[in-house]
Amino acid sequence: MPETLGPLGIFGGTFDPVHLGHLRLAEEAREALGLATVRWIPAGQPPHRNSPKISGAHRLAMVQAAVADNPAFQVDGAEVSSTAPSYTIHTLERLRQEVGPQRPLILLLGADAFAGLATWYRWQDLLKLAQLAILHRPGHPLDEKALAPELNALLKAHRAHDAPVLASAPAGKILSLPMTQLDISATHIRELLASGRSPRYLLPPAVLDYIQQHQLYRNP
């Protein structure tokens, strides 16, 4: 299959700031799912959480700096440029128009995000546009008993048992798979920076350089 038509991974988040845990997760997902490309999409105005600590322009620039040396990673600034709330369904509709009806789109989700999926805007339509890959810590699979009944039903109806299934169709399946999730927190990084301590080795040097250059996350 030509690389341009291979599965496109979609990795969204506030990235406030982007760190090595994000990068390692995206790289493992790319390899495990056979993704031709991972599209990083920093959120502009995320509707489900508090506003990011710094502007979308800074968060976008940090992601661009973080992934610049990986040709399999792309950065999409459309949500940062928009004044509308960053709803995942709108992003998938835009990407589906961009890539056409046949290319597999694989939305990368953490287990916690999937557990809250039933609160998302038009969540029932997500599988019409993309595959879902639920990434969980090794040894800690998705707790299906704790899921809302509608999500349990969704998982049972659409479960895939291996990565090639996701790559073989444009949308419609859910795969749960273990991923190394480094214990790095953007909240902790912000706390370190605010208190004048070093976050070195928790985020890429290019991102740390950007933060220092623009004096981000410092207490007033």
Protein backbone atom coordinates (compact mmCIF):
# COMPACT_ATOMS: atom_id res chain seq x y z
CA MET A 1 0.00 0.00 0.00
CA PRO A 2 1.49 3.41 -0.89
CA GLU A 3 2.52 5.42 2.13
CA THR A 4 0.20 8.29 1.16
CA LEU A 5 -2.75 5.89 1.43
CA GLY A 6 -1.65 4.11 4.59
CA PRO A 7 -3.53 4.60 7.85
CA LEU A 8 -3.49 8.11 9.25
CA GLY A 9 -3.24 8.32 13.04
CA ILE A 10 -4.94 11.27 14.72
CA PHE A 11 -3.42 12.44 18.00
CA GLY A 12 -5.19 15.38 19.63
CA GLY A 13 -4.63 17.11 22.93
CA THR A 14 -3.95 20.41 24.60
CA PHE A 15 -0.18 19.68 24.69
CA ASP A 16 0.28 22.25 27.45
CA PRO A 17 3.19 21.65 27.06
CA VAL A 18 4.01 18.71 24.78
CA HIS A 19 6.43 16.32 26.50
CA LEU A 20 8.35 13.06 26.01
CA GLY A 21 5.39 10.98 27.18
CA HIS A 22 3.34 12.29 24.25
CA LEU A 23 6.15 11.62 21.81
CA ARG A 24 6.78 8.08 22.99
CA LEU A 25 3.08 7.24 22.90
CA ALA A 26 2.73 8.54 19.34
CA GLU A 27 5.79 6.62 18.18
CA GLU A 28 4.67 3.34 19.73
CA ALA A 29 1.18 3.78 18.28
CA ARG A 30 2.66 4.49 14.85
CA GLU A 31 4.65 1.28 14.96
CA ALA A 32 2.00 -0.96 16.55
CA LEU A 33 -0.80 0.17 14.22
CA GLY A 34 1.27 0.44 11.04
CA LEU A 35 0.46 4.12 10.65
CA ALA A 36 1.90 5.90 7.66
CA THR A 37 1.60 9.21 9.48
CA VAL A 38 0.57 10.55 12.87
CA ARG A 39 -1.26 13.88 12.63
CA TRP A 40 -0.78 15.93 15.82
CA ILE A 41 -3.72 18.30 16.39
CA PRO A 42 -3.33 20.74 19.29
CA ALA A 43 -6.74 21.77 20.60
CA GLY A 44 -7.84 25.35 20.28
CA GLN A 45 -10.76 25.72 22.70
CA PRO A 46 -11.30 22.26 24.25
CA PRO A 47 -14.94 22.05 25.42
CA HIS A 48 -14.41 19.32 28.04
CA ARG A 49 -11.72 20.88 30.20
CA ASN A 50 -10.38 24.16 31.52
CA SER A 51 -8.72 26.49 29.06
CA PRO A 52 -5.02 25.75 28.46
CA LYS A 53 -2.55 27.81 30.44
CA ILE A 54 -1.01 29.46 27.39
CA SER A 55 -2.15 30.44 23.91
CA GLY A 56 -2.84 28.02 21.10
CA ALA A 57 -0.11 29.68 19.04
CA HIS A 58 2.54 28.83 21.64
CA ARG A 59 1.27 25.27 22.09
CA LEU A 60 1.25 24.76 18.32
CA ALA A 61 4.79 26.10 18.00
CA MET A 62 6.01 23.76 20.75
CA VAL A 63 4.48 20.72 19.03
CA GLN A 64 6.08 21.77 15.76
CA ALA A 65 9.45 22.03 17.50
CA ALA A 66 8.97 18.67 19.23
CA VAL A 67 8.19 16.64 16.10
CA ALA A 68 10.39 18.44 13.57
CA ASP A 69 12.91 15.57 13.35
CA ASN A 70 10.34 12.80 12.72
CA PRO A 71 9.12 12.61 9.10
CA ALA A 72 6.21 10.37 10.12
CA PHE A 73 4.76 13.12 12.32
CA GLN A 74 2.70 16.01 10.94
CA VAL A 75 1.22 19.00 12.78
CA ASP A 76 -2.25 20.34 12.06
CA GLY A 77 -2.96 23.86 13.30
CA ALA A 78 -6.57 24.11 12.14
CA GLU A 79 -8.12 23.88 15.61
CA VAL A 80 -5.77 26.48 17.04
CA SER A 81 -6.67 28.83 14.18
CA SER A 82 -10.40 28.38 14.72
CA THR A 83 -12.45 30.35 17.23
CA ALA A 84 -15.01 27.53 17.51
CA PRO A 85 -14.82 24.82 20.21
CA SER A 86 -12.57 21.88 19.27
CA TYR A 87 -15.04 19.04 18.84
CA THR A 88 -13.49 15.76 17.68
CA ILE A 89 -16.37 14.99 15.34
CA HIS A 90 -15.76 18.21 13.42
CA THR A 91 -12.06 17.39 13.14
CA LEU A 92 -12.86 13.93 11.77
CA GLU A 93 -15.32 15.37 9.27
CA ARG A 94 -12.68 17.81 8.05
CA LEU A 95 -10.02 15.12 7.77
CA ARG A 96 -12.38 12.73 6.00
CA GLN A 97 -13.02 15.41 3.38
CA GLU A 98 -9.27 15.94 3.06
CA VAL A 99 -8.20 12.31 2.63
CA GLY A 100 -11.26 10.90 0.88
CA PRO A 101 -13.63 8.08 1.80
CA GLN A 102 -11.23 5.12 1.71
CA ARG A 103 -8.14 5.99 3.72
CA PRO A 104 -8.23 4.55 7.27
CA LEU A 105 -8.39 7.23 9.95
CA ILE A 106 -7.36 5.94 13.37
CA LEU A 107 -8.21 8.14 16.35
CA LEU A 108 -5.79 7.57 19.22
CA LEU A 109 -7.51 7.71 22.62
CA GLY A 110 -6.38 7.04 26.15
CA ALA A 111 -8.49 4.64 28.22
CA ASP A 112 -9.69 7.52 30.40
CA ALA A 113 -10.84 9.48 27.36
CA PHE A 114 -12.73 6.47 26.02
CA ALA A 115 -14.42 5.97 29.39
CA GLY A 116 -15.86 9.48 29.05
CA LEU A 117 -16.75 9.17 25.38
CA ALA A 118 -20.51 9.19 25.96
CA THR A 119 -20.24 12.82 27.11
CA TRP A 120 -18.67 13.94 23.80
CA TYR A 121 -20.58 15.88 21.21
CA ARG A 122 -22.06 13.49 18.59
CA TRP A 123 -20.00 10.61 19.95
CA GLN A 124 -22.24 8.07 18.22
CA ASP A 125 -20.99 9.34 14.85
CA LEU A 126 -17.26 8.92 15.50
CA LEU A 127 -17.10 5.35 14.16
CA LYS A 128 -18.75 6.42 10.92
CA LEU A 129 -15.64 8.45 10.20
CA ALA A 130 -12.74 6.70 11.91
CA GLN A 131 -11.39 3.68 13.73
CA LEU A 132 -10.72 4.03 17.46
CA ALA A 133 -7.50 2.84 19.09
CA ILE A 134 -7.74 2.79 22.89
CA LEU A 135 -4.25 2.98 24.37
CA HIS A 136 -3.82 1.64 27.90
CA ARG A 137 -0.96 0.88 30.22
CA PRO A 138 0.56 -2.63 29.94
CA GLY A 139 -1.13 -4.89 32.47
CA HIS A 140 -4.01 -2.48 32.96
CA PRO A 141 -6.53 -3.27 30.21
CA LEU A 142 -9.74 -1.35 29.74
CA ASP A 143 -12.08 -1.97 32.66
CA GLU A 144 -15.18 -2.87 30.70
CA LYS A 145 -17.27 -3.40 33.84
CA ALA A 146 -16.74 0.25 34.77
CA LEU A 147 -17.86 1.58 31.39
CA ALA A 148 -21.23 3.18 30.88
CA PRO A 149 -23.70 0.65 29.39
CA GLU A 150 -23.80 2.45 26.04
CA LEU A 151 -20.02 2.30 25.75
CA ASN A 152 -19.95 -1.37 26.68
CA ALA A 153 -22.47 -2.03 23.93
CA LEU A 154 -20.43 0.03 21.47
CA LEU A 155 -17.26 -1.88 22.33
CA LYS A 156 -18.89 -5.28 21.97
CA ALA A 157 -20.47 -4.37 18.63
CA HIS A 158 -17.32 -2.90 17.08
CA ARG A 159 -14.37 -4.63 18.75
CA ALA A 160 -11.37 -5.53 16.61
CA HIS A 161 -8.83 -8.11 17.80
CA ASP A 162 -5.69 -6.99 15.95
CA ALA A 163 -4.17 -3.93 14.30
CA PRO A 164 -4.50 -5.13 10.66
CA VAL A 165 -8.28 -4.94 11.02
CA LEU A 166 -8.03 -1.20 11.64
CA ALA A 167 -5.77 -0.73 8.64
CA SER A 168 -8.07 -2.67 6.33
CA ALA A 169 -11.07 -0.32 6.38
CA PRO A 170 -11.63 3.43 6.69
CA ALA A 171 -13.74 3.36 9.86
CA GLY A 172 -15.98 1.38 12.18
CA LYS A 173 -13.82 -0.66 14.58
CA ILE A 174 -12.36 -0.31 18.09
CA LEU A 175 -9.06 -1.83 19.16
CA SER A 176 -7.66 -1.78 22.69
CA LEU A 177 -3.92 -2.24 22.97
CA PRO A 178 -1.17 -1.73 25.56
CA MET A 179 1.25 1.16 25.18
CA THR A 180 4.13 2.34 27.31
CA GLN A 181 2.87 5.47 29.02
CA LEU A 182 5.71 7.37 30.61
CA ASP A 183 4.78 8.83 33.97
CA ILE A 184 5.22 12.41 32.82
CA SER A 185 2.57 15.02 33.52
CA ALA A 186 2.13 18.39 31.82
CA THR A 187 0.71 19.62 35.13
CA HIS A 188 3.92 18.63 36.92
CA ILE A 189 6.04 20.31 34.24
CA ARG A 190 4.05 23.53 34.64
CA GLU A 191 4.50 23.36 38.42
CA LEU A 192 8.26 22.91 38.05
CA LEU A 193 8.51 25.88 35.71
CA ALA A 194 6.30 28.07 37.89
CA SER A 195 8.54 27.38 40.91
CA GLY A 196 11.76 27.98 38.98
CA ARG A 197 12.85 24.34 38.94
CA SER A 198 14.13 22.43 35.93
CA PRO A 199 11.90 20.16 33.78
CA ARG A 200 14.89 19.01 31.72
CA TYR A 201 14.63 15.40 30.45
CA LEU A 202 10.83 15.49 30.72
CA LEU A 203 10.36 17.28 27.41
CA PRO A 204 12.42 17.72 24.23
CA PRO A 205 15.29 20.23 24.39
CA ALA A 206 13.72 22.24 21.55
CA VAL A 207 10.52 22.63 23.57
CA LEU A 208 12.39 23.63 26.71
CA ASP A 209 14.35 26.18 24.67
CA TYR A 210 11.08 27.60 23.34
CA ILE A 211 9.58 27.81 26.82
CA GLN A 212 12.63 29.62 28.16
CA GLN A 213 12.86 31.95 25.17
CA HIS A 214 9.24 33.04 25.61
CA GLN A 215 9.25 32.84 29.42
CA LEU A 216 6.19 30.58 29.50
CA TYR A 217 4.54 29.07 32.59
CA ARG A 218 6.28 31.42 35.00
CA ASN A 219 4.37 32.80 37.93
CA PRO A 220 3.70 36.55 37.50
